[in-house]
Amino acid sequence: MSTTQLFEDYIPLTLREFERMKKLADGAIAQLGAEQLFVAPGEGDNSVAVIVKHVSGNLRSRWENFLTSDGEKPYRKRDLEFLLTGEDSREALLANWEVAWGILFRELKPLHSADLARTVTIRGEPLSVLQAINRQLTHYSYHVGQIVFLAKQLVGPKWKSLSIPVGESEKFNRAPGKYLGPVKA
């Protein structure tokens, strides 16, 4: 594979991974009852609602005008993303989540391999577009993992697997393209 081919494939690859991450988080969040979304496991821990609020704020800040403005927007109040208010209903948080992810997809989809070497800034730090995308992939992966873990703990035995459930691997391996089990992502 040539370097050109590798870079040309990178944008569709990252789009697919961001879509996969969002699908995992959405699958976990969908299994939570209204009150479970707001449950923090312990003192100083974040609830799924707080993580959703934080990731939404980060998505908006980092991706709005991605190529032309600093990824830490002046309007962003990061510390407030970790505080829930009366306005932070399930519906409001999830509506903001959808808009924020939409911004990422809108800004990322039109990029081309030549854009990967361009420079963007996050908090005044110059990064290549490639570095900035990787930074966000790892950041969102971290938080999506938290969402899935918390949701699984809160839902308990009623949890529906978001991947190949234990005991289903052989069935999946026999016909990966035809497996119709509970794989959601």
C-alpha atoms as a PDB file:
ATOM      1  CA  MET A   1       0.000   0.000   0.000  1.00  0.00           C
ATOM      2  CA  SER A   2       1.409   3.389  -0.962  1.00  0.00           C
ATOM      3  CA  THR A   3       1.631   6.305   1.455  1.00  0.00           C
ATOM      4  CA  THR A   4      -0.846   8.186  -0.706  1.00  0.00           C
ATOM      5  CA  GLN A   5      -3.318   5.303  -0.488  1.00  0.00           C
ATOM      6  CA  LEU A   6      -2.838   5.094   3.279  1.00  0.00           C
ATOM      7  CA  PHE A   7      -3.630   8.773   3.751  1.00  0.00           C
ATOM      8  CA  GLU A   8      -6.526   8.646   1.307  1.00  0.00           C
ATOM      9  CA  ASP A   9      -8.050   5.843   3.359  1.00  0.00           C
ATOM     10  CA  TYR A  10      -7.440   7.565   6.705  1.00  0.00           C
ATOM     11  CA  ILE A  11     -10.409   9.961   6.622  1.00  0.00           C
ATOM     12  CA  PRO A  12     -12.990   7.241   5.804  1.00  0.00           C
ATOM     13  CA  LEU A  13     -11.358   5.042   8.458  1.00  0.00           C
ATOM     14  CA  THR A  14     -11.677   7.725  11.136  1.00  0.00           C
ATOM     15  CA  LEU A  15     -15.236   8.468  10.113  1.00  0.00           C
ATOM     16  CA  ARG A  16     -16.078   4.789  10.508  1.00  0.00           C
ATOM     17  CA  GLU A  17     -14.400   4.677  13.938  1.00  0.00           C
ATOM     18  CA  PHE A  18     -16.176   7.826  15.172  1.00  0.00           C
ATOM     19  CA  GLU A  19     -19.481   6.370  13.914  1.00  0.00           C
ATOM     20  CA  ARG A  20     -18.714   3.078  15.676  1.00  0.00           C
ATOM     21  CA  MET A  21     -17.906   4.894  18.914  1.00  0.00           C
ATOM     22  CA  LYS A  22     -21.102   6.906  18.792  1.00  0.00           C
ATOM     23  CA  LYS A  23     -23.104   3.749  18.075  1.00  0.00           C
ATOM     24  CA  LEU A  24     -21.580   2.019  21.123  1.00  0.00           C
ATOM     25  CA  ALA A  25     -22.340   4.982  23.370  1.00  0.00           C
ATOM     26  CA  ASP A  26     -25.872   5.303  21.965  1.00  0.00           C
ATOM     27  CA  GLY A  27     -26.454   1.577  22.505  1.00  0.00           C
ATOM     28  CA  ALA A  28     -25.366   1.846  26.117  1.00  0.00           C
ATOM     29  CA  ILE A  29     -27.317   5.031  26.816  1.00  0.00           C
ATOM     30  CA  ALA A  30     -30.474   3.543  25.283  1.00  0.00           C
ATOM     31  CA  GLN A  31     -30.412   0.783  27.886  1.00  0.00           C
ATOM     32  CA  LEU A  32     -30.431   3.256  30.794  1.00  0.00           C
ATOM     33  CA  GLY A  33     -33.609   4.330  32.490  1.00  0.00           C
ATOM     34  CA  ALA A  34     -34.206   8.055  32.966  1.00  0.00           C
ATOM     35  CA  GLU A  35     -32.852   8.051  36.505  1.00  0.00           C
ATOM     36  CA  GLN A  36     -29.896   5.744  35.746  1.00  0.00           C
ATOM     37  CA  LEU A  37     -28.432   8.294  33.324  1.00  0.00           C
ATOM     38  CA  PHE A  38     -27.814  10.586  36.295  1.00  0.00           C
ATOM     39  CA  VAL A  39     -26.381   8.042  38.757  1.00  0.00           C
ATOM     40  CA  ALA A  40     -22.747   8.591  39.733  1.00  0.00           C
ATOM     41  CA  PRO A  41     -21.069   5.482  41.173  1.00  0.00           C
ATOM     42  CA  GLY A  42     -19.418   7.351  44.013  1.00  0.00           C
ATOM     43  CA  GLU A  43     -18.311  10.675  45.426  1.00  0.00           C
ATOM     44  CA  GLY A  44     -16.400  12.607  42.795  1.00  0.00           C
ATOM     45  CA  ASP A  45     -17.358  10.189  39.999  1.00  0.00           C
ATOM     46  CA  ASN A  46     -19.160  11.184  36.836  1.00  0.00           C
ATOM     47  CA  SER A  47     -22.557   9.940  35.785  1.00  0.00           C
ATOM     48  CA  VAL A  48     -23.259   9.007  32.182  1.00  0.00           C
ATOM     49  CA  ALA A  49     -25.164  12.315  31.950  1.00  0.00           C
ATOM     50  CA  VAL A  50     -22.036  14.269  32.942  1.00  0.00           C
ATOM     51  CA  ILE A  51     -19.880  12.341  30.473  1.00  0.00           C
ATOM     52  CA  VAL A  52     -22.423  12.996  27.708  1.00  0.00           C
ATOM     53  CA  LYS A  53     -22.455  16.711  28.599  1.00  0.00           C
ATOM     54  CA  HIS A  54     -18.642  16.885  28.631  1.00  0.00           C
ATOM     55  CA  VAL A  55     -18.159  14.990  25.361  1.00  0.00           C
ATOM     56  CA  SER A  56     -20.829  17.156  23.714  1.00  0.00           C
ATOM     57  CA  GLY A  57     -19.042  20.308  24.831  1.00  0.00           C
ATOM     58  CA  ASN A  58     -15.726  18.958  23.618  1.00  0.00           C
ATOM     59  CA  LEU A  59     -17.171  17.903  20.255  1.00  0.00           C
ATOM     60  CA  ARG A  60     -18.666  21.354  19.654  1.00  0.00           C
ATOM     61  CA  SER A  61     -15.513  23.164  20.668  1.00  0.00           C
ATOM     62  CA  ARG A  62     -13.021  20.989  18.823  1.00  0.00           C
ATOM     63  CA  TRP A  63     -14.931  20.484  15.581  1.00  0.00           C
ATOM     64  CA  GLU A  64     -16.842  23.711  14.907  1.00  0.00           C
ATOM     65  CA  ASN A  65     -14.782  25.442  12.188  1.00  0.00           C
ATOM     66  CA  PHE A  66     -12.153  22.738  12.700  1.00  0.00           C
ATOM     67  CA  LEU A  67      -9.665  23.975  10.099  1.00  0.00           C
ATOM     68  CA  THR A  68     -10.011  27.690  10.785  1.00  0.00           C
ATOM     69  CA  SER A  69     -10.369  28.308  14.526  1.00  0.00           C
ATOM     70  CA  ASP A  70      -8.750  27.142  17.745  1.00  0.00           C
ATOM     71  CA  GLY A  71     -10.314  23.942  19.047  1.00  0.00           C
ATOM     72  CA  GLU A  72     -10.900  25.530  22.440  1.00  0.00           C
ATOM     73  CA  LYS A  73     -13.624  28.046  21.657  1.00  0.00           C
ATOM     74  CA  PRO A  74     -14.017  31.172  23.819  1.00  0.00           C
ATOM     75  CA  TYR A  75     -17.664  30.258  24.494  1.00  0.00           C
ATOM     76  CA  ARG A  76     -16.771  26.889  26.007  1.00  0.00           C
ATOM     77  CA  LYS A  77     -17.023  26.625  29.787  1.00  0.00           C
ATOM     78  CA  ARG A  78     -15.416  23.224  30.312  1.00  0.00           C
ATOM     79  CA  ASP A  79     -15.775  23.157  34.101  1.00  0.00           C
ATOM     80  CA  LEU A  80     -19.538  23.629  33.786  1.00  0.00           C
ATOM     81  CA  GLU A  81     -19.717  20.464  31.680  1.00  0.00           C
ATOM     82  CA  PHE A  82     -19.120  18.514  34.890  1.00  0.00           C
ATOM     83  CA  LEU A  83     -22.044  20.123  36.721  1.00  0.00           C
ATOM     84  CA  LEU A  84     -25.635  19.176  36.044  1.00  0.00           C
ATOM     85  CA  THR A  85     -28.355  21.804  36.276  1.00  0.00           C
ATOM     86  CA  GLY A  86     -32.132  21.713  36.109  1.00  0.00           C
ATOM     87  CA  GLU A  87     -31.860  22.320  32.372  1.00  0.00           C
ATOM     88  CA  ASP A  88     -29.915  19.072  31.884  1.00  0.00           C
ATOM     89  CA  SER A  89     -32.789  16.705  31.234  1.00  0.00           C
ATOM     90  CA  ARG A  90     -32.235  13.438  29.396  1.00  0.00           C
ATOM     91  CA  GLU A  91     -33.902  14.930  26.325  1.00  0.00           C
ATOM     92  CA  ALA A  92     -31.791  18.115  26.372  1.00  0.00           C
ATOM     93  CA  LEU A  93     -28.523  16.250  26.938  1.00  0.00           C
ATOM     94  CA  LEU A  94     -29.208  13.778  24.134  1.00  0.00           C
ATOM     95  CA  ALA A  95     -30.355  16.511  21.730  1.00  0.00           C
ATOM     96  CA  ASN A  96     -27.100  18.382  22.360  1.00  0.00           C
ATOM     97  CA  TRP A  97     -25.167  15.106  21.955  1.00  0.00           C
ATOM     98  CA  GLU A  98     -26.719  14.560  18.502  1.00  0.00           C
ATOM     99  CA  VAL A  99     -25.990  18.120  17.368  1.00  0.00           C
ATOM    100  CA  ALA A 100     -22.401  17.902  18.637  1.00  0.00           C
ATOM    101  CA  TRP A 101     -21.677  14.612  16.864  1.00  0.00           C
ATOM    102  CA  GLY A 102     -23.278  16.091  13.749  1.00  0.00           C
ATOM    103  CA  ILE A 103     -20.713  18.902  13.840  1.00  0.00           C
ATOM    104  CA  LEU A 104     -17.859  16.373  13.922  1.00  0.00           C
ATOM    105  CA  PHE A 105     -19.237  14.465  10.927  1.00  0.00           C
ATOM    106  CA  ARG A 106     -19.981  17.672   8.998  1.00  0.00           C
ATOM    107  CA  GLU A 107     -16.421  18.956   9.477  1.00  0.00           C
ATOM    108  CA  LEU A 108     -14.590  15.645   8.993  1.00  0.00           C
ATOM    109  CA  LYS A 109     -16.388  14.254   5.922  1.00  0.00           C
ATOM    110  CA  PRO A 110     -15.133  16.822   3.381  1.00  0.00           C
ATOM    111  CA  LEU A 111     -11.464  16.498   4.392  1.00  0.00           C
ATOM    112  CA  HIS A 112      -8.958  14.997   1.957  1.00  0.00           C
ATOM    113  CA  SER A 113      -5.533  13.418   2.396  1.00  0.00           C
ATOM    114  CA  ALA A 114      -3.830  16.771   1.661  1.00  0.00           C
ATOM    115  CA  ASP A 115      -5.610  18.261   4.693  1.00  0.00           C
ATOM    116  CA  LEU A 116      -3.897  15.847   7.086  1.00  0.00           C
ATOM    117  CA  ALA A 117      -0.655  17.862   6.986  1.00  0.00           C
ATOM    118  CA  ARG A 118      -2.406  21.193   7.592  1.00  0.00           C
ATOM    119  CA  THR A 119      -1.985  22.845  10.958  1.00  0.00           C
ATOM    120  CA  VAL A 120      -4.827  23.447  13.400  1.00  0.00           C
ATOM    121  CA  THR A 121      -4.633  24.620  16.989  1.00  0.00           C
ATOM    122  CA  ILE A 122      -6.128  23.293  20.188  1.00  0.00           C
ATOM    123  CA  ARG A 123      -5.682  25.571  23.202  1.00  0.00           C
ATOM    124  CA  GLY A 124      -3.048  27.453  21.246  1.00  0.00           C
ATOM    125  CA  GLU A 125      -1.011  24.304  20.550  1.00  0.00           C
ATOM    126  CA  PRO A 126      -0.283  23.748  16.857  1.00  0.00           C
ATOM    127  CA  LEU A 127      -1.096  20.239  15.664  1.00  0.00           C
ATOM    128  CA  SER A 128      -1.340  18.627  12.277  1.00  0.00           C
ATOM    129  CA  VAL A 129      -4.878  17.686  11.310  1.00  0.00           C
ATOM    130  CA  LEU A 130      -3.731  14.065  11.606  1.00  0.00           C
ATOM    131  CA  GLN A 131      -2.568  14.652  15.190  1.00  0.00           C
ATOM    132  CA  ALA A 132      -5.763  16.513  16.086  1.00  0.00           C
ATOM    133  CA  ILE A 133      -7.965  13.732  14.713  1.00  0.00           C
ATOM    134  CA  ASN A 134      -5.986  11.092  16.601  1.00  0.00           C
ATOM    135  CA  ARG A 135      -6.212  13.152  19.773  1.00  0.00           C
ATOM    136  CA  GLN A 136      -9.986  13.262  19.480  1.00  0.00           C
ATOM    137  CA  LEU A 137     -10.279   9.569  18.573  1.00  0.00           C
ATOM    138  CA  THR A 138      -8.477   8.606  21.773  1.00  0.00           C
ATOM    139  CA  HIS A 139     -10.337  11.146  23.902  1.00  0.00           C
ATOM    140  CA  TYR A 140     -13.762   9.981  22.771  1.00  0.00           C
ATOM    141  CA  SER A 141     -12.760   6.305  22.993  1.00  0.00           C
ATOM    142  CA  TYR A 142     -11.837   6.858  26.626  1.00  0.00           C
ATOM    143  CA  HIS A 143     -15.197   8.437  27.437  1.00  0.00           C
ATOM    144  CA  VAL A 144     -17.269   5.987  25.385  1.00  0.00           C
ATOM    145  CA  GLY A 145     -15.585   3.180  27.344  1.00  0.00           C
ATOM    146  CA  GLN A 146     -16.654   4.917  30.555  1.00  0.00           C
ATOM    147  CA  ILE A 147     -20.229   5.256  29.301  1.00  0.00           C
ATOM    148  CA  VAL A 148     -20.438   1.579  28.337  1.00  0.00           C
ATOM    149  CA  PHE A 149     -18.860   0.412  31.606  1.00  0.00           C
ATOM    150  CA  LEU A 150     -21.146   2.564  33.769  1.00  0.00           C
ATOM    151  CA  ALA A 151     -24.242   1.627  31.804  1.00  0.00           C
ATOM    152  CA  LYS A 152     -23.438  -2.077  32.045  1.00  0.00           C
ATOM    153  CA  GLN A 153     -23.009  -1.777  35.812  1.00  0.00           C
ATOM    154  CA  LEU A 154     -26.247   0.165  36.211  1.00  0.00           C
ATOM    155  CA  VAL A 155     -28.351  -2.093  33.974  1.00  0.00           C
ATOM    156  CA  GLY A 156     -26.994  -5.286  35.532  1.00  0.00           C
ATOM    157  CA  PRO A 157     -28.329  -8.661  34.346  1.00  0.00           C
ATOM    158  CA  LYS A 158     -30.717  -7.037  31.851  1.00  0.00           C
ATOM    159  CA  TRP A 159     -27.752  -5.638  29.887  1.00  0.00           C
ATOM    160  CA  LYS A 160     -27.852  -6.419  26.165  1.00  0.00           C
ATOM    161  CA  SER A 161     -24.375  -6.940  24.770  1.00  0.00           C
ATOM    162  CA  LEU A 162     -23.032  -4.337  22.349  1.00  0.00           C
ATOM    163  CA  SER A 163     -20.556  -6.824  20.910  1.00  0.00           C
ATOM    164  CA  ILE A 164     -20.281 -10.584  20.600  1.00  0.00           C
ATOM    165  CA  PRO A 165     -21.653 -11.962  23.884  1.00  0.00           C
ATOM    166  CA  VAL A 166     -19.735 -14.527  25.888  1.00  0.00           C
ATOM    167  CA  GLY A 167     -20.572 -17.942  24.495  1.00  0.00           C
ATOM    168  CA  GLU A 168     -21.322 -16.650  20.982  1.00  0.00           C
ATOM    169  CA  SER A 169     -17.745 -16.335  19.629  1.00  0.00           C
ATOM    170  CA  GLU A 170     -17.690 -19.709  17.862  1.00  0.00           C
ATOM    171  CA  LYS A 171     -21.029 -19.018  16.223  1.00  0.00           C
ATOM    172  CA  PHE A 172     -19.743 -15.631  15.053  1.00  0.00           C
ATOM    173  CA  ASN A 173     -16.427 -17.061  13.810  1.00  0.00           C
ATOM    174  CA  ARG A 174     -18.211 -19.685  11.699  1.00  0.00           C
ATOM    175  CA  ALA A 175     -20.090 -17.034   9.716  1.00  0.00           C
ATOM    176  CA  PRO A 176     -18.979 -13.506  10.663  1.00  0.00           C
ATOM    177  CA  GLY A 177     -20.879 -11.866   7.810  1.00  0.00           C
ATOM    178  CA  LYS A 178     -24.068 -13.775   8.543  1.00  0.00           C
ATOM    179  CA  TYR A 179     -24.090 -13.703  12.352  1.00  0.00           C
ATOM    180  CA  LEU A 180     -27.474 -12.418  13.494  1.00  0.00           C
ATOM    181  CA  GLY A 181     -26.850 -12.436  17.235  1.00  0.00           C
ATOM    182  CA  PRO A 182     -26.932  -9.410  19.505  1.00  0.00           C
ATOM    183  CA  VAL A 183     -23.950  -7.616  17.958  1.00  0.00           C
ATOM    184  CA  LYS A 184     -24.848  -3.931  17.902  1.00  0.00           C
ATOM    185  CA  ALA A 185     -21.535  -2.340  16.968  1.00  0.00           C
END
